[in-house]
């Protein structure tokens, strides 16, 4: 069993925020891979399914970003899993918009969702970094992160999310390099 977490904030007013791109990614994966119905579990929304031969639980914490680690910790403890089974999809300021990179472990770079997971479970988990770009000045970061994707970005956003869903089997198999390469190729097409 693997647990894939999408980070975001609950509620319709946050739905299209750049900070919610992790939620968007797991929603697309659930749709493309015919996951089961959404269940309220682990202080969030969970869906079970398979990607290839791998059993995966998709989780969207409903705790708001700053408390994501509580929800993720509940799920890992329930299934008696360690952080080697955990993959977290999150927005990344330090990547160009719509670039997708996989990273094992590391710091939180000021991301409150990652900080919360680090505090509850430690830093040793796989991260799927979804580029949202940097607004250029640190004073503009909050507005950028908590702002909606622009209309002009919607096609690129859909292409990135579709590529992630289509290539998710490589992540499930643990082939992070093939996943990144194939997502990038799809985005060029």
Protein backbone atom coordinates (compact mmCIF):
# COMPACT_ATOMS: atom_id res chain seq x y z
CA UNK A 1 0.00 0.00 0.00
CA UNK A 2 1.20 3.48 -0.90
CA UNK A 3 -0.29 6.72 0.40
CA UNK A 4 -0.33 9.63 -2.01
CA UNK A 5 -1.27 12.95 -0.45
CA UNK A 6 -2.35 16.07 -2.29
CA UNK A 7 -1.80 19.25 -0.31
CA UNK A 8 -4.32 22.07 -0.38
CA UNK A 9 -6.91 23.96 1.63
CA UNK A 10 -10.51 22.71 1.88
CA UNK A 11 -13.48 24.68 0.60
CA UNK A 12 -14.67 26.21 -2.66
CA UNK A 13 -12.99 29.57 -2.14
CA UNK A 14 -9.56 27.85 -2.30
CA UNK A 15 -10.36 25.38 -5.07
CA UNK A 16 -8.45 27.10 -7.89
CA UNK A 17 -5.59 28.54 -5.81
CA UNK A 18 -2.06 27.69 -6.87
CA UNK A 19 -1.59 26.35 -3.32
CA UNK A 20 -4.24 23.70 -4.11
CA UNK A 21 -2.52 22.15 -7.11
CA UNK A 22 -1.72 19.08 -4.95
CA UNK A 23 -5.47 18.53 -4.43
CA UNK A 24 -5.99 18.94 -8.18
CA UNK A 25 -3.32 16.33 -8.98
CA UNK A 26 -4.80 13.60 -6.77
CA UNK A 27 -8.31 14.36 -8.09
CA UNK A 28 -7.11 13.80 -11.66
CA UNK A 29 -5.30 10.58 -10.66
CA UNK A 30 -8.48 9.31 -8.96
CA UNK A 31 -10.56 10.09 -12.07
CA UNK A 32 -8.12 8.63 -14.59
CA UNK A 33 -7.55 5.43 -12.62
CA UNK A 34 -11.16 4.78 -11.56
CA UNK A 35 -10.59 5.05 -7.82
CA UNK A 36 -13.42 4.20 -5.43
CA UNK A 37 -15.76 6.74 -3.86
CA UNK A 38 -14.49 9.50 -1.60
CA UNK A 39 -14.67 8.62 2.09
CA UNK A 40 -14.25 10.96 5.06
CA UNK A 41 -11.26 9.46 6.86
CA UNK A 42 -8.04 10.54 8.53
CA UNK A 43 -9.25 14.14 9.00
CA UNK A 44 -9.59 14.38 5.24
CA UNK A 45 -10.99 12.80 2.11
CA UNK A 46 -9.62 9.44 1.05
CA UNK A 47 -10.06 7.28 -2.02
CA UNK A 48 -8.72 3.77 -2.53
CA UNK A 49 -7.74 2.23 -5.81
CA UNK A 50 -5.02 0.65 -7.91
CA UNK A 51 -2.49 2.10 -10.24
CA UNK A 52 -1.11 -0.78 -12.24
CA UNK A 53 -0.49 -3.52 -9.70
CA UNK A 54 -0.01 -1.13 -6.77
CA UNK A 55 -2.68 -0.40 -4.17
CA UNK A 56 -2.81 3.34 -3.49
CA UNK A 57 -4.73 5.47 -1.01
CA UNK A 58 -5.21 9.04 -2.21
CA UNK A 59 -5.63 11.53 0.62
CA UNK A 60 -6.60 15.19 0.69
CA UNK A 61 -6.21 16.52 4.26
CA UNK A 62 -9.20 18.65 5.32
CA UNK A 63 -7.15 20.20 8.13
CA UNK A 64 -5.99 23.25 6.18
CA UNK A 65 -2.41 23.36 4.97
CA UNK A 66 -0.78 24.17 8.32
CA UNK A 67 -2.09 20.96 9.93
CA UNK A 68 -1.62 18.55 7.00
CA UNK A 69 0.81 16.41 8.99
CA UNK A 70 -1.92 15.42 11.46
CA UNK A 71 -4.06 13.91 8.69
CA UNK A 72 -1.11 12.23 6.96
CA UNK A 73 0.13 10.80 10.27
CA UNK A 74 -3.29 9.30 11.01
CA UNK A 75 -3.33 7.49 7.66
CA UNK A 76 0.21 6.14 7.98
CA UNK A 77 -0.42 4.91 11.53
CA UNK A 78 -3.71 3.26 10.52
CA UNK A 79 -1.99 1.25 7.79
CA UNK A 80 1.16 0.73 9.90
CA UNK A 81 3.31 2.31 7.19
CA UNK A 82 6.48 4.37 7.34
CA UNK A 83 7.39 7.41 5.29
CA UNK A 84 8.85 5.17 2.55
CA UNK A 85 5.20 4.55 1.52
CA UNK A 86 4.38 8.28 1.40
CA UNK A 87 4.26 10.54 -1.67
CA UNK A 88 3.19 14.19 -1.32
CA UNK A 89 2.02 16.35 -4.24
CA UNK A 90 2.54 20.06 -3.55
CA UNK A 91 2.96 23.47 -5.15
CA UNK A 92 6.56 24.61 -5.61
CA UNK A 93 7.54 28.30 -5.89
CA UNK A 94 11.10 27.50 -6.93
CA UNK A 95 10.09 25.66 -10.12
CA UNK A 96 8.95 27.25 -13.35
CA UNK A 97 5.16 27.08 -13.84
CA UNK A 98 3.92 23.58 -14.73
CA UNK A 99 7.32 21.88 -14.36
CA UNK A 100 7.11 18.60 -12.43
CA UNK A 101 10.02 17.27 -10.39
CA UNK A 102 10.31 14.36 -7.96
CA UNK A 103 12.48 14.70 -4.90
CA UNK A 104 13.21 12.30 -2.05
CA UNK A 105 13.39 14.01 1.33
CA UNK A 106 14.67 17.52 1.91
CA UNK A 107 13.55 20.71 3.59
CA UNK A 108 10.20 22.45 3.47
CA UNK A 109 11.39 25.76 1.92
CA UNK A 110 8.75 27.65 3.89
CA UNK A 111 5.87 25.49 2.62
CA UNK A 112 3.52 25.13 5.60
CA UNK A 113 2.05 21.80 4.46
CA UNK A 114 5.51 20.23 4.12
CA UNK A 115 6.58 21.82 7.42
CA UNK A 116 3.61 20.20 9.18
CA UNK A 117 4.36 16.77 7.69
CA UNK A 118 8.04 17.15 8.66
CA UNK A 119 7.01 17.97 12.24
CA UNK A 120 4.74 14.92 12.49
CA UNK A 121 6.73 12.35 10.50
CA UNK A 122 10.18 13.68 9.62
CA UNK A 123 11.46 14.82 6.21
CA UNK A 124 12.13 11.45 4.56
CA UNK A 125 9.26 11.12 2.09
CA UNK A 126 8.88 11.47 -1.67
CA UNK A 127 7.68 14.84 -2.92
CA UNK A 128 6.12 15.58 -6.28
CA UNK A 129 6.97 19.25 -6.78
CA UNK A 130 4.48 21.03 -9.04
CA UNK A 131 5.89 24.30 -10.32
CA UNK A 132 3.86 27.47 -9.82
CA UNK A 133 6.71 29.92 -10.42
CA UNK A 134 7.85 32.73 -8.15
CA UNK A 135 6.19 36.15 -8.33
CA UNK A 136 9.62 37.83 -8.23
CA UNK A 137 9.59 39.37 -4.76
CA UNK A 138 9.04 37.74 -1.38
CA UNK A 139 6.38 40.33 -0.46
CA UNK A 140 4.22 39.01 -3.30
CA UNK A 141 4.53 35.30 -2.44
CA UNK A 142 1.36 35.02 -0.29
CA UNK A 143 -0.85 36.66 -2.89
CA UNK A 144 0.66 34.51 -5.63
CA UNK A 145 0.32 31.21 -3.76
CA UNK A 146 -3.17 32.03 -2.49
CA UNK A 147 -4.28 33.40 -5.86
CA UNK A 148 -6.12 31.51 -8.57
CA UNK A 149 -4.37 30.27 -11.67
CA UNK A 150 -4.82 32.84 -14.44
CA UNK A 151 -7.18 32.12 -17.36
CA UNK A 152 -4.15 32.09 -19.67
CA UNK A 153 -2.62 29.28 -17.55
CA UNK A 154 -5.61 26.93 -17.64
CA UNK A 155 -4.50 24.93 -20.71
CA UNK A 156 -0.99 24.43 -19.29
CA UNK A 157 -2.45 23.44 -15.92
CA UNK A 158 -4.76 20.89 -17.55
CA UNK A 159 -1.86 19.51 -19.62
CA UNK A 160 0.33 19.11 -16.53
CA UNK A 161 -2.41 17.43 -14.49
CA UNK A 162 -3.35 15.14 -17.39
CA UNK A 163 0.28 14.13 -17.87
CA UNK A 164 0.64 13.34 -14.15
CA UNK A 165 -2.47 11.16 -14.24
CA UNK A 166 -1.42 9.39 -17.43
CA UNK A 167 2.10 8.63 -16.16
CA UNK A 168 1.19 7.84 -12.53
CA UNK A 169 1.98 4.15 -13.01
CA UNK A 170 5.70 4.99 -13.16
CA UNK A 171 5.42 6.68 -9.76
CA UNK A 172 3.57 3.67 -8.37
CA UNK A 173 6.40 1.42 -9.63
CA UNK A 174 9.01 3.70 -8.05
CA UNK A 175 10.53 4.83 -11.38
CA UNK A 176 10.68 8.55 -10.59
CA UNK A 177 13.01 9.38 -13.51
CA UNK A 178 10.76 7.73 -16.09
CA UNK A 179 7.76 9.53 -14.55
CA UNK A 180 9.45 12.94 -14.83
CA UNK A 181 10.67 12.29 -18.38
CA UNK A 182 7.33 11.02 -19.65
CA UNK A 183 5.39 13.87 -18.00
CA UNK A 184 7.75 16.40 -19.66
CA UNK A 185 7.35 14.68 -23.05
CA UNK A 186 3.55 14.73 -22.80
CA UNK A 187 3.61 18.42 -21.91
CA UNK A 188 5.64 19.19 -25.06
CA UNK A 189 3.13 17.36 -27.29
